[in-house]
PDB file of N, CA and C in Angstrom:
ATOM      1  N   MET A   1     -53.195  -3.721  -1.191  1.00  0.00           N
ATOM      2  CA  MET A   1     -52.463  -2.529  -1.464  1.00  0.00           C
ATOM      3  C   MET A   1     -53.102  -1.806  -2.650  1.00  0.00           C
ATOM      4  N   GLU A   2     -53.278  -0.527  -2.510  1.00  0.00           N
ATOM      5  CA  GLU A   2     -53.933   0.260  -3.542  1.00  0.00           C
ATOM      6  C   GLU A   2     -52.874   0.993  -4.367  1.00  0.00           C
ATOM      7  N   TYR A   3     -53.029   0.873  -5.686  1.00  0.00           N
ATOM      8  CA  TYR A   3     -52.099   1.548  -6.594  1.00  0.00           C
ATOM      9  C   TYR A   3     -52.773   2.783  -7.160  1.00  0.00           C
ATOM     10  N   ARG A   4     -52.054   3.847  -7.134  1.00  0.00           N
ATOM     11  CA  ARG A   4     -52.569   5.092  -7.707  1.00  0.00           C
ATOM     12  C   ARG A   4     -51.696   5.485  -8.886  1.00  0.00           C
ATOM     13  N   ARG A   5     -52.352   6.025  -9.838  1.00  0.00           N
ATOM     14  CA  ARG A   5     -51.630   6.516 -10.995  1.00  0.00           C
ATOM     15  C   ARG A   5     -50.948   7.825 -10.645  1.00  0.00           C
ATOM     16  N   MET A   6     -49.705   7.931 -10.978  1.00  0.00           N
ATOM     17  CA  MET A   6     -48.990   9.168 -10.717  1.00  0.00           C
ATOM     18  C   MET A   6     -49.135  10.097 -11.913  1.00  0.00           C
ATOM     19  N   LYS A   7     -49.382  11.321 -11.629  1.00  0.00           N
ATOM     20  CA  LYS A   7     -49.470  12.327 -12.686  1.00  0.00           C
ATOM     21  C   LYS A   7     -48.121  13.013 -12.811  1.00  0.00           C
ATOM     22  N   LYS A   8     -47.769  13.274 -14.042  1.00  0.00           N
ATOM     23  CA  LYS A   8     -46.519  14.012 -14.243  1.00  0.00           C
ATOM     24  C   LYS A   8     -46.715  15.426 -13.744  1.00  0.00           C
ATOM     25  N   TRP A   9     -45.673  15.941 -13.157  1.00  0.00           N
ATOM     26  CA  TRP A   9     -45.735  17.298 -12.627  1.00  0.00           C
ATOM     27  C   TRP A   9     -45.534  18.280 -13.762  1.00  0.00           C
ATOM     28  N   ARG A  10     -46.501  19.105 -13.998  1.00  0.00           N
ATOM     29  CA  ARG A  10     -46.440  20.131 -15.043  1.00  0.00           C
ATOM     30  C   ARG A  10     -46.747  21.454 -14.360  1.00  0.00           C
ATOM     31  N   PRO A  11     -45.720  22.154 -13.909  1.00  0.00           N
ATOM     32  CA  PRO A  11     -45.925  23.318 -13.056  1.00  0.00           C
ATOM     33  C   PRO A  11     -46.761  24.430 -13.670  1.00  0.00           C
ATOM     34  N   PHE A  12     -46.655  24.666 -14.980  1.00  0.00           N
ATOM     35  CA  PHE A  12     -47.382  25.792 -15.556  1.00  0.00           C
ATOM     36  C   PHE A  12     -48.684  25.368 -16.211  1.00  0.00           C
ATOM     37  N   ALA A  13     -48.888  24.082 -16.390  1.00  0.00           N
ATOM     38  CA  ALA A  13     -50.103  23.619 -17.042  1.00  0.00           C
ATOM     39  C   ALA A  13     -51.327  23.847 -16.152  1.00  0.00           C
ATOM     40  N   ALA A  14     -51.101  23.926 -14.865  1.00  0.00           N
ATOM     41  CA  ALA A  14     -52.216  24.133 -13.935  1.00  0.00           C
ATOM     42  C   ALA A  14     -52.766  25.553 -14.040  1.00  0.00           C
ATOM     43  N   MET A  15     -51.920  26.484 -14.452  1.00  0.00           N
ATOM     44  CA  MET A  15     -52.345  27.883 -14.579  1.00  0.00           C
ATOM     45  C   MET A  15     -51.972  28.391 -15.966  1.00  0.00           C
ATOM     46  N   PRO A  16     -52.827  28.157 -16.955  1.00  0.00           N
ATOM     47  CA  PRO A  16     -52.472  28.547 -18.323  1.00  0.00           C
ATOM     48  C   PRO A  16     -52.234  30.038 -18.490  1.00  0.00           C
ATOM     49  N   GLU A  17     -52.904  30.866 -17.692  1.00  0.00           N
ATOM     50  CA  GLU A  17     -52.687  32.312 -17.795  1.00  0.00           C
ATOM     51  C   GLU A  17     -51.247  32.664 -17.449  1.00  0.00           C
ATOM     52  N   GLN A  18     -50.724  32.005 -16.432  1.00  0.00           N
ATOM     53  CA  GLN A  18     -49.347  32.254 -16.021  1.00  0.00           C
ATOM     54  C   GLN A  18     -48.374  31.777 -17.104  1.00  0.00           C
ATOM     55  N   TYR A  19     -48.671  30.631 -17.719  1.00  0.00           N
ATOM     56  CA  TYR A  19     -47.828  30.101 -18.779  1.00  0.00           C
ATOM     57  C   TYR A  19     -47.794  31.070 -19.958  1.00  0.00           C
ATOM     58  N   ILE A  20     -48.941  31.611 -20.340  1.00  0.00           N
ATOM     59  CA  ILE A  20     -49.021  32.569 -21.440  1.00  0.00           C
ATOM     60  C   ILE A  20     -48.213  33.817 -21.097  1.00  0.00           C
ATOM     61  N   GLY A  21     -48.335  34.299 -19.874  1.00  0.00           N
ATOM     62  CA  GLY A  21     -47.582  35.467 -19.440  1.00  0.00           C
ATOM     63  C   GLY A  21     -46.083  35.234 -19.506  1.00  0.00           C
ATOM     64  N   LEU A  22     -45.641  34.055 -19.064  1.00  0.00           N
ATOM     65  CA  LEU A  22     -44.212  33.728 -19.120  1.00  0.00           C
ATOM     66  C   LEU A  22     -43.727  33.629 -20.561  1.00  0.00           C
ATOM     67  N   GLN A  23     -44.550  33.051 -21.427  1.00  0.00           N
ATOM     68  CA  GLN A  23     -44.175  32.934 -22.840  1.00  0.00           C
ATOM     69  C   GLN A  23     -44.023  34.320 -23.475  1.00  0.00           C
ATOM     70  N   GLU A  24     -44.896  35.246 -23.113  1.00  0.00           N
ATOM     71  CA  GLU A  24     -44.791  36.621 -23.624  1.00  0.00           C
ATOM     72  C   GLU A  24     -43.502  37.284 -23.155  1.00  0.00           C
ATOM     73  N   ILE A  25     -43.125  37.055 -21.903  1.00  0.00           N
ATOM     74  CA  ILE A  25     -41.880  37.620 -21.374  1.00  0.00           C
ATOM     75  C   ILE A  25     -40.683  37.045 -22.126  1.00  0.00           C
ATOM     76  N   ILE A  26     -40.690  35.748 -22.364  1.00  0.00           N
ATOM     77  CA  ILE A  26     -39.600  35.102 -23.104  1.00  0.00           C
ATOM     78  C   ILE A  26     -39.521  35.666 -24.517  1.00  0.00           C
ATOM     79  N   ASN A  27     -40.668  35.814 -25.169  1.00  0.00           N
ATOM     80  CA  ASN A  27     -40.686  36.359 -26.533  1.00  0.00           C
ATOM     81  C   ASN A  27     -40.162  37.786 -26.569  1.00  0.00           C
ATOM     82  N   LYS A  28     -40.474  38.593 -25.569  1.00  0.00           N
ATOM     83  CA  LYS A  28     -39.991  39.977 -25.517  1.00  0.00           C
ATOM     84  C   LYS A  28     -38.471  40.024 -25.385  1.00  0.00           C
ATOM     85  N   GLN A  29     -37.895  39.048 -24.673  1.00  0.00           N
ATOM     86  CA  GLN A  29     -36.453  39.039 -24.464  1.00  0.00           C
ATOM     87  C   GLN A  29     -35.680  38.751 -25.742  1.00  0.00           C
ATOM     88  N   VAL A  30     -36.279  38.025 -26.686  1.00  0.00           N
ATOM     89  CA  VAL A  30     -35.575  37.698 -27.924  1.00  0.00           C
ATOM     90  C   VAL A  30     -35.875  38.690 -29.048  1.00  0.00           C
ATOM     91  N   GLU A  31     -36.721  39.675 -28.782  1.00  0.00           N
ATOM     92  CA  GLU A  31     -37.022  40.688 -29.792  1.00  0.00           C
ATOM     93  C   GLU A  31     -35.802  41.553 -30.058  1.00  0.00           C
ATOM     94  N   VAL A  32     -35.682  41.968 -31.312  1.00  0.00           N
ATOM     95  CA  VAL A  32     -34.614  42.872 -31.704  1.00  0.00           C
ATOM     96  C   VAL A  32     -35.233  44.101 -32.358  1.00  0.00           C
ATOM     97  N   ALA A  33     -34.511  45.194 -32.328  1.00  0.00           N
ATOM     98  CA  ALA A  33     -34.981  46.411 -32.989  1.00  0.00           C
ATOM     99  C   ALA A  33     -34.739  46.275 -34.491  1.00  0.00           C
ATOM    100  N   GLN A  34     -35.581  46.925 -35.278  1.00  0.00           N
ATOM    101  CA  GLN A  34     -35.411  46.866 -36.724  1.00  0.00           C
ATOM    102  C   GLN A  34     -34.124  47.582 -37.113  1.00  0.00           C
ATOM    103  N   PRO A  35     -33.243  46.891 -37.841  1.00  0.00           N
ATOM    104  CA  PRO A  35     -31.990  47.519 -38.256  1.00  0.00           C
ATOM    105  C   PRO A  35     -32.247  48.714 -39.178  1.00  0.00           C
ATOM    106  N   VAL A  36     -31.435  49.737 -39.041  1.00  0.00           N
ATOM    107  CA  VAL A  36     -31.530  50.919 -39.890  1.00  0.00           C
ATOM    108  C   VAL A  36     -30.530  50.740 -41.028  1.00  0.00           C
ATOM    109  N   LEU A  37     -31.024  50.816 -42.261  1.00  0.00           N
ATOM    110  CA  LEU A  37     -30.175  50.608 -43.425  1.00  0.00           C
ATOM    111  C   LEU A  37     -29.625  51.929 -43.947  1.00  0.00           C
ATOM    112  N   THR A  38     -28.422  51.867 -44.492  1.00  0.00           N
ATOM    113  CA  THR A  38     -27.841  53.045 -45.132  1.00  0.00           C
ATOM    114  C   THR A  38     -28.447  53.199 -46.523  1.00  0.00           C
ATOM    115  N   GLU A  39     -28.233  54.347 -47.115  1.00  0.00           N
ATOM    116  CA  GLU A  39     -28.722  54.600 -48.486  1.00  0.00           C
ATOM    117  C   GLU A  39     -28.119  53.580 -49.450  1.00  0.00           C
ATOM    118  N   GLU A  40     -26.855  53.269 -49.263  1.00  0.00           N
ATOM    119  CA  GLU A  40     -26.166  52.300 -50.124  1.00  0.00           C
ATOM    120  C   GLU A  40     -26.781  50.905 -49.995  1.00  0.00           C
ATOM    121  N   GLN A  41     -27.088  50.490 -48.773  1.00  0.00           N
ATOM    122  CA  GLN A  41     -27.712  49.184 -48.566  1.00  0.00           C
ATOM    123  C   GLN A  41     -29.094  49.123 -49.227  1.00  0.00           C
ATOM    124  N   MET A  42     -29.866  50.203 -49.130  1.00  0.00           N
ATOM    125  CA  MET A  42     -31.190  50.238 -49.750  1.00  0.00           C
ATOM    126  C   MET A  42     -31.083  50.178 -51.275  1.00  0.00           C
ATOM    127  N   GLU A  43     -30.093  50.866 -51.845  1.00  0.00           N
ATOM    128  CA  GLU A  43     -29.881  50.813 -53.288  1.00  0.00           C
ATOM    129  C   GLU A  43     -29.498  49.411 -53.733  1.00  0.00           C
ATOM    130  N   GLN A  44     -28.647  48.745 -52.953  1.00  0.00           N
ATOM    131  CA  GLN A  44     -28.227  47.379 -53.281  1.00  0.00           C
ATOM    132  C   GLN A  44     -29.417  46.419 -53.227  1.00  0.00           C
ATOM    133  N   ILE A  45     -30.273  46.576 -52.239  1.00  0.00           N
ATOM    134  CA  ILE A  45     -31.473  45.740 -52.129  1.00  0.00           C
ATOM    135  C   ILE A  45     -32.364  45.957 -53.347  1.00  0.00           C
ATOM    136  N   ASN A  46     -32.565  47.213 -53.720  1.00  0.00           N
ATOM    137  CA  ASN A  46     -33.406  47.538 -54.870  1.00  0.00           C
ATOM    138  C   ASN A  46     -32.823  46.936 -56.149  1.00  0.00           C
ATOM    139  N   PHE A  47     -31.519  47.064 -56.335  1.00  0.00           N
ATOM    140  CA  PHE A  47     -30.844  46.516 -57.509  1.00  0.00           C
ATOM    141  C   PHE A  47     -31.018  44.991 -57.568  1.00  0.00           C
ATOM    142  N   THR A  48     -30.815  44.322 -56.451  1.00  0.00           N
ATOM    143  CA  THR A  48     -30.940  42.859 -56.390  1.00  0.00           C
ATOM    144  C   THR A  48     -32.376  42.418 -56.664  1.00  0.00           C
ATOM    145  N   LEU A  49     -33.358  43.152 -56.118  1.00  0.00           N
ATOM    146  CA  LEU A  49     -34.763  42.830 -56.375  1.00  0.00           C
ATOM    147  C   LEU A  49     -35.086  42.923 -57.861  1.00  0.00           C
ATOM    148  N   ILE A  50     -34.656  43.994 -58.495  1.00  0.00           N
ATOM    149  CA  ILE A  50     -34.930  44.193 -59.919  1.00  0.00           C
ATOM    150  C   ILE A  50     -34.236  43.110 -60.748  1.00  0.00           C
ATOM    151  N   GLU A  51     -32.988  42.798 -60.410  1.00  0.00           N
ATOM    152  CA  GLU A  51     -32.263  41.741 -61.130  1.00  0.00           C
ATOM    153  C   GLU A  51     -32.981  40.400 -60.977  1.00  0.00           C
ATOM    154  N   ALA A  52     -33.400  40.074 -59.767  1.00  0.00           N
ATOM    155  CA  ALA A  52     -34.102  38.811 -59.523  1.00  0.00           C
ATOM    156  C   ALA A  52     -35.437  38.761 -60.267  1.00  0.00           C
ATOM    157  N   LEU A  53     -36.113  39.898 -60.346  1.00  0.00           N
ATOM    158  CA  LEU A  53     -37.390  39.970 -61.060  1.00  0.00           C
ATOM    159  C   LEU A  53     -37.192  39.699 -62.551  1.00  0.00           C
ATOM    160  N   HIS A  54     -36.193  40.348 -63.157  1.00  0.00           N
ATOM    161  CA  HIS A  54     -35.984  40.232 -64.604  1.00  0.00           C
ATOM    162  C   HIS A  54     -35.345  38.910 -65.021  1.00  0.00           C
ATOM    163  N   THR A  55     -34.565  38.296 -64.146  1.00  0.00           N
ATOM    164  CA  THR A  55     -33.891  37.035 -64.493  1.00  0.00           C
ATOM    165  C   THR A  55     -34.606  35.823 -63.909  1.00  0.00           C
ATOM    166  N   ASN A  56     -35.644  36.059 -63.108  1.00  0.00           N
ATOM    167  CA  ASN A  56     -36.402  34.994 -62.431  1.00  0.00           C
ATOM    168  C   ASN A  56     -35.480  34.107 -61.592  1.00  0.00           C
ATOM    169  N   LYS A  57     -34.495  34.733 -60.957  1.00  0.00           N
ATOM    170  CA  LYS A  57     -33.592  34.003 -60.067  1.00  0.00           C
ATOM    171  C   LYS A  57     -34.178  33.956 -58.664  1.00  0.00           C
ATOM    172  N   GLN A  58     -33.866  32.875 -57.980  1.00  0.00           N
ATOM    173  CA  GLN A  58     -34.311  32.700 -56.601  1.00  0.00           C
ATOM    174  C   GLN A  58     -33.503  33.617 -55.685  1.00  0.00           C
ATOM    175  N   VAL A  59     -34.149  34.135 -54.630  1.00  0.00           N
ATOM    176  CA  VAL A  59     -33.474  35.022 -53.681  1.00  0.00           C
ATOM    177  C   VAL A  59     -33.691  34.565 -52.243  1.00  0.00           C
ATOM    178  N   TYR A  60     -32.764  34.990 -51.395  1.00  0.00           N
ATOM    179  CA  TYR A  60     -32.930  34.872 -49.952  1.00  0.00           C
ATOM    180  C   TYR A  60     -33.363  36.249 -49.466  1.00  0.00           C
ATOM    181  N   LEU A  61     -34.550  36.341 -48.897  1.00  0.00           N
ATOM    182  CA  LEU A  61     -35.079  37.597 -48.379  1.00  0.00           C
ATOM    183  C   LEU A  61     -34.977  37.586 -46.864  1.00  0.00           C
ATOM    184  N   THR A  62     -34.394  38.612 -46.296  1.00  0.00           N
ATOM    185  CA  THR A  62     -34.386  38.774 -44.844  1.00  0.00           C
ATOM    186  C   THR A  62     -35.192  40.029 -44.547  1.00  0.00           C
ATOM    187  N   TYR A  63     -36.217  39.863 -43.732  1.00  0.00           N
ATOM    188  CA  TYR A  63     -37.092  40.991 -43.418  1.00  0.00           C
ATOM    189  C   TYR A  63     -37.398  41.027 -41.928  1.00  0.00           C
ATOM    190  N   TYR A  64     -37.884  42.175 -41.495  1.00  0.00           N
ATOM    191  CA  TYR A  64     -38.191  42.414 -40.090  1.00  0.00           C
ATOM    192  C   TYR A  64     -39.693  42.298 -39.891  1.00  0.00           C
ATOM    193  N   LYS A  65     -40.087  41.494 -38.900  1.00  0.00           N
ATOM    194  CA  LYS A  65     -41.513  41.340 -38.599  1.00  0.00           C
ATOM    195  C   LYS A  65     -41.682  41.044 -37.118  1.00  0.00           C
ATOM    196  N   GLN A  66     -42.421  41.881 -36.435  1.00  0.00           N
ATOM    197  CA  GLN A  66     -42.780  41.709 -35.030  1.00  0.00           C
ATOM    198  C   GLN A  66     -41.582  41.369 -34.142  1.00  0.00           C
ATOM    199  N   GLY A  67     -40.530  42.150 -34.267  1.00  0.00           N
ATOM    200  CA  GLY A  67     -39.378  41.983 -33.388  1.00  0.00           C
ATOM    201  C   GLY A  67     -38.408  40.900 -33.793  1.00  0.00           C
ATOM    202  N   GLN A  68     -38.588  40.319 -34.972  1.00  0.00           N
ATOM    203  CA  GLN A  68     -37.702  39.251 -35.411  1.00  0.00           C
ATOM    204  C   GLN A  68     -37.205  39.508 -36.818  1.00  0.00           C
ATOM    205  N   CYS A  69     -36.028  38.999 -37.110  1.00  0.00           N
ATOM    206  CA  CYS A  69     -35.480  39.029 -38.467  1.00  0.00           C
ATOM    207  C   CYS A  69     -35.697  37.638 -39.059  1.00  0.00           C
ATOM    208  N   ILE A  70     -36.457  37.577 -40.129  1.00  0.00           N
ATOM    209  CA  ILE A  70     -36.847  36.307 -40.729  1.00  0.00           C
ATOM    210  C   ILE A  70     -36.242  36.206 -42.118  1.00  0.00           C
ATOM    211  N   THR A  71     -35.721  35.032 -42.468  1.00  0.00           N
ATOM    212  CA  THR A  71     -35.167  34.795 -43.796  1.00  0.00           C
ATOM    213  C   THR A  71     -35.983  33.722 -44.498  1.00  0.00           C
ATOM    214  N   GLU A  72     -36.380  34.021 -45.729  1.00  0.00           N
ATOM    215  CA  GLU A  72     -37.131  33.075 -46.551  1.00  0.00           C
ATOM    216  C   GLU A  72     -36.507  33.013 -47.926  1.00  0.00           C
ATOM    217  N   THR A  73     -36.796  31.938 -48.635  1.00  0.00           N
ATOM    218  CA  THR A  73     -36.338  31.758 -49.994  1.00  0.00           C
ATOM    219  C   THR A  73     -37.535  31.848 -50.921  1.00  0.00           C
ATOM    220  N   GLY A  74     -37.359  32.541 -52.047  1.00  0.00           N
ATOM    221  CA  GLY A  74     -38.476  32.644 -52.975  1.00  0.00           C
ATOM    222  C   GLY A  74     -38.100  33.354 -54.259  1.00  0.00           C
ATOM    223  N   PHE A  75     -39.129  33.715 -55.019  1.00  0.00           N
ATOM    224  CA  PHE A  75     -38.962  34.385 -56.300  1.00  0.00           C
ATOM    225  C   PHE A  75     -39.719  35.704 -56.279  1.00  0.00           C
ATOM    226  N   ILE A  76     -39.107  36.747 -56.787  1.00  0.00           N
ATOM    227  CA  ILE A  76     -39.737  38.062 -56.843  1.00  0.00           C
ATOM    228  C   ILE A  76     -40.706  38.079 -58.018  1.00  0.00           C
ATOM    229  N   GLN A  77     -41.922  38.534 -57.773  1.00  0.00           N
ATOM    230  CA  GLN A  77     -42.922  38.589 -58.827  1.00  0.00           C
ATOM    231  C   GLN A  77     -43.252  40.026 -59.250  1.00  0.00           C
ATOM    232  N   PHE A  78     -43.113  40.980 -58.317  1.00  0.00           N
ATOM    233  CA  PHE A  78     -43.522  42.350 -58.599  1.00  0.00           C
ATOM    234  C   PHE A  78     -42.782  43.286 -57.649  1.00  0.00           C
ATOM    235  N   VAL A  79     -42.339  44.438 -58.163  1.00  0.00           N
ATOM    236  CA  VAL A  79     -41.687  45.454 -57.332  1.00  0.00           C
ATOM    237  C   VAL A  79     -42.265  46.814 -57.711  1.00  0.00           C
ATOM    238  N   ASP A  80     -42.701  47.567 -56.706  1.00  0.00           N
ATOM    239  CA  ASP A  80     -43.210  48.918 -56.916  1.00  0.00           C
ATOM    240  C   ASP A  80     -42.558  49.828 -55.871  1.00  0.00           C
ATOM    241  N   SER A  81     -41.411  50.401 -56.240  1.00  0.00           N
ATOM    242  CA  SER A  81     -40.654  51.233 -55.298  1.00  0.00           C
ATOM    243  C   SER A  81     -41.426  52.444 -54.790  1.00  0.00           C
ATOM    244  N   PRO A  82     -42.109  53.210 -55.681  1.00  0.00           N
ATOM    245  CA  PRO A  82     -42.832  54.384 -55.174  1.00  0.00           C
ATOM    246  C   PRO A  82     -43.928  54.025 -54.149  1.00  0.00           C
ATOM    247  N   GLU A  83     -44.516  52.865 -54.291  1.00  0.00           N
ATOM    248  CA  GLU A  83     -45.567  52.441 -53.362  1.00  0.00           C
ATOM    249  C   GLU A  83     -45.015  51.641 -52.178  1.00  0.00           C
ATOM    250  N   ASP A  84     -43.668  51.449 -52.121  1.00  0.00           N
ATOM    251  CA  ASP A  84     -43.027  50.715 -51.024  1.00  0.00           C
ATOM    252  C   ASP A  84     -43.594  49.298 -50.919  1.00  0.00           C
ATOM    253  N   LEU A  85     -43.681  48.609 -52.064  1.00  0.00           N
ATOM    254  CA  LEU A  85     -44.349  47.315 -52.111  1.00  0.00           C
ATOM    255  C   LEU A  85     -43.613  46.345 -53.020  1.00  0.00           C
ATOM    256  N   PHE A  86     -43.602  45.075 -52.635  1.00  0.00           N
ATOM    257  CA  PHE A  86     -43.146  44.028 -53.545  1.00  0.00           C
ATOM    258  C   PHE A  86     -43.902  42.748 -53.226  1.00  0.00           C
ATOM    259  N   ILE A  87     -43.920  41.855 -54.213  1.00  0.00           N
ATOM    260  CA  ILE A  87     -44.604  40.571 -54.046  1.00  0.00           C
ATOM    261  C   ILE A  87     -43.591  39.476 -54.365  1.00  0.00           C
ATOM    262  N   PHE A  88     -43.529  38.475 -53.485  1.00  0.00           N
ATOM    263  CA  PHE A  88     -42.671  37.326 -53.763  1.00  0.00           C
ATOM    264  C   PHE A  88     -43.443  36.042 -53.514  1.00  0.00           C
ATOM    265  N   ILE A  89     -43.001  34.989 -54.194  1.00  0.00           N
ATOM    266  CA  ILE A  89     -43.602  33.673 -54.026  1.00  0.00           C
ATOM    267  C   ILE A  89     -42.607  32.842 -53.239  1.00  0.00           C
ATOM    268  N   ASP A  90     -43.029  32.381 -52.052  1.00  0.00           N
ATOM    269  CA  ASP A  90     -42.084  31.625 -51.221  1.00  0.00           C
ATOM    270  C   ASP A  90     -41.896  30.223 -51.779  1.00  0.00           C
ATOM    271  N   GLU A  91     -40.723  29.679 -51.533  1.00  0.00           N
ATOM    272  CA  GLU A  91     -40.349  28.388 -52.090  1.00  0.00           C
ATOM    273  C   GLU A  91     -41.086  27.230 -51.417  1.00  0.00           C
ATOM    274  N   VAL A  92     -41.359  27.333 -50.141  1.00  0.00           N
ATOM    275  CA  VAL A  92     -41.924  26.218 -49.386  1.00  0.00           C
ATOM    276  C   VAL A  92     -43.390  25.961 -49.743  1.00  0.00           C
ATOM    277  N   PHE A  93     -44.229  26.983 -49.613  1.00  0.00           N
ATOM    278  CA  PHE A  93     -45.658  26.798 -49.824  1.00  0.00           C
ATOM    279  C   PHE A  93     -46.139  27.328 -51.175  1.00  0.00           C
ATOM    280  N   GLU A  94     -45.243  27.968 -51.911  1.00  0.00           N
ATOM    281  CA  GLU A  94     -45.565  28.571 -53.207  1.00  0.00           C
ATOM    282  C   GLU A  94     -46.743  29.538 -53.106  1.00  0.00           C
ATOM    283  N   LEU A  95     -46.754  30.325 -52.037  1.00  0.00           N
ATOM    284  CA  LEU A  95     -47.798  31.317 -51.814  1.00  0.00           C
ATOM    285  C   LEU A  95     -47.283  32.701 -52.162  1.00  0.00           C
ATOM    286  N   LYS A  96     -48.181  33.555 -52.647  1.00  0.00           N
ATOM    287  CA  LYS A  96     -47.827  34.946 -52.900  1.00  0.00           C
ATOM    288  C   LYS A  96     -47.805  35.697 -51.585  1.00  0.00           C
ATOM    289  N   ASN A  97     -46.773  36.459 -51.367  1.00  0.00           N
ATOM    290  CA  ASN A  97     -46.634  37.270 -50.166  1.00  0.00           C
ATOM    291  C   ASN A  97     -46.439  38.720 -50.566  1.00  0.00           C
ATOM    292  N   LYS A  98     -47.297  39.590 -50.083  1.00  0.00           N
ATOM    293  CA  LYS A  98     -47.177  41.022 -50.342  1.00  0.00           C
ATOM    294  C   LYS A  98     -46.485  41.635 -49.132  1.00  0.00           C
ATOM    295  N   MET A  99     -45.467  42.445 -49.398  1.00  0.00           N
ATOM    296  CA  MET A  99     -44.690  42.989 -48.293  1.00  0.00           C
ATOM    297  C   MET A  99     -44.200  44.399 -48.612  1.00  0.00           C
ATOM    298  N   ARG A 100     -43.921  45.159 -47.584  1.00  0.00           N
ATOM    299  CA  ARG A 100     -43.373  46.512 -47.729  1.00  0.00           C
ATOM    300  C   ARG A 100     -41.861  46.424 -47.951  1.00  0.00           C
ATOM    301  N   LEU A 101     -41.368  47.226 -48.869  1.00  0.00           N
ATOM    302  CA  LEU A 101     -39.923  47.293 -49.094  1.00  0.00           C
ATOM    303  C   LEU A 101     -39.200  47.759 -47.833  1.00  0.00           C
ATOM    304  N   SER A 102     -39.865  48.598 -47.046  1.00  0.00           N
ATOM    305  CA  SER A 102     -39.260  49.121 -45.817  1.00  0.00           C
ATOM    306  C   SER A 102     -39.044  48.040 -44.758  1.00  0.00           C
ATOM    307  N   GLN A 103     -39.656  46.864 -44.921  1.00  0.00           N
ATOM    308  CA  GLN A 103     -39.445  45.756 -43.988  1.00  0.00           C
ATOM    309  C   GLN A 103     -38.188  44.962 -44.315  1.00  0.00           C
ATOM    310  N   LEU A 104     -37.684  45.105 -45.546  1.00  0.00           N
ATOM    311  CA  LEU A 104     -36.513  44.330 -45.978  1.00  0.00           C
ATOM    312  C   LEU A 104     -35.244  44.766 -45.274  1.00  0.00           C
ATOM    313  N   ILE A 105     -34.457  43.791 -44.908  1.00  0.00           N
ATOM    314  CA  ILE A 105     -33.154  44.036 -44.281  1.00  0.00           C
ATOM    315  C   ILE A 105     -32.044  43.653 -45.245  1.00  0.00           C
ATOM    316  N   ASP A 106     -32.277  42.556 -45.997  1.00  0.00           N
ATOM    317  CA  ASP A 106     -31.264  42.078 -46.931  1.00  0.00           C
ATOM    318  C   ASP A 106     -31.910  41.214 -48.006  1.00  0.00           C
ATOM    319  N   VAL A 107     -31.362  41.267 -49.206  1.00  0.00           N
ATOM    320  CA  VAL A 107     -31.790  40.407 -50.314  1.00  0.00           C
ATOM    321  C   VAL A 107     -30.533  39.917 -51.011  1.00  0.00           C
ATOM    322  N   ARG A 108     -30.452  38.608 -51.204  1.00  0.00           N
ATOM    323  CA  ARG A 108     -29.295  38.022 -51.878  1.00  0.00           C
ATOM    324  C   ARG A 108     -29.780  36.995 -52.894  1.00  0.00           C
ATOM    325  N   LEU A 109     -29.106  36.950 -54.038  1.00  0.00           N
ATOM    326  CA  LEU A 109     -29.426  35.943 -55.032  1.00  0.00           C
ATOM    327  C   LEU A 109     -28.995  34.581 -54.521  1.00  0.00           C
ATOM    328  N   ALA A 110     -29.823  33.577 -54.763  1.00  0.00           N
ATOM    329  CA  ALA A 110     -29.501  32.217 -54.299  1.00  0.00           C
ATOM    330  C   ALA A 110     -28.517  31.544 -55.234  1.00  0.00           C
TER     331      ALA A 110
END
């Protein structure tokens, strides 16, 4: 009697192009539009950023990137409102991140 090894059935592994296409469709379905902030919300974000910068307090930053709302924890290092720019150091990798103020959705002190 001859024994053959059975291969696990992996329906999309046989056609990686199809798998990539399906993954793109799934990613598109979970995308959200960038929230539009009111003037009051933008002022509150600016106030919190400045407070966090001067007191060196940790913040929770929620920002919009490629169809997703992402929240990170870190410390504000630099804010330049006229240039629509700020720099924060993330808590996990301790890396400097340069970002546009217009990408921010929410900032809260930790």
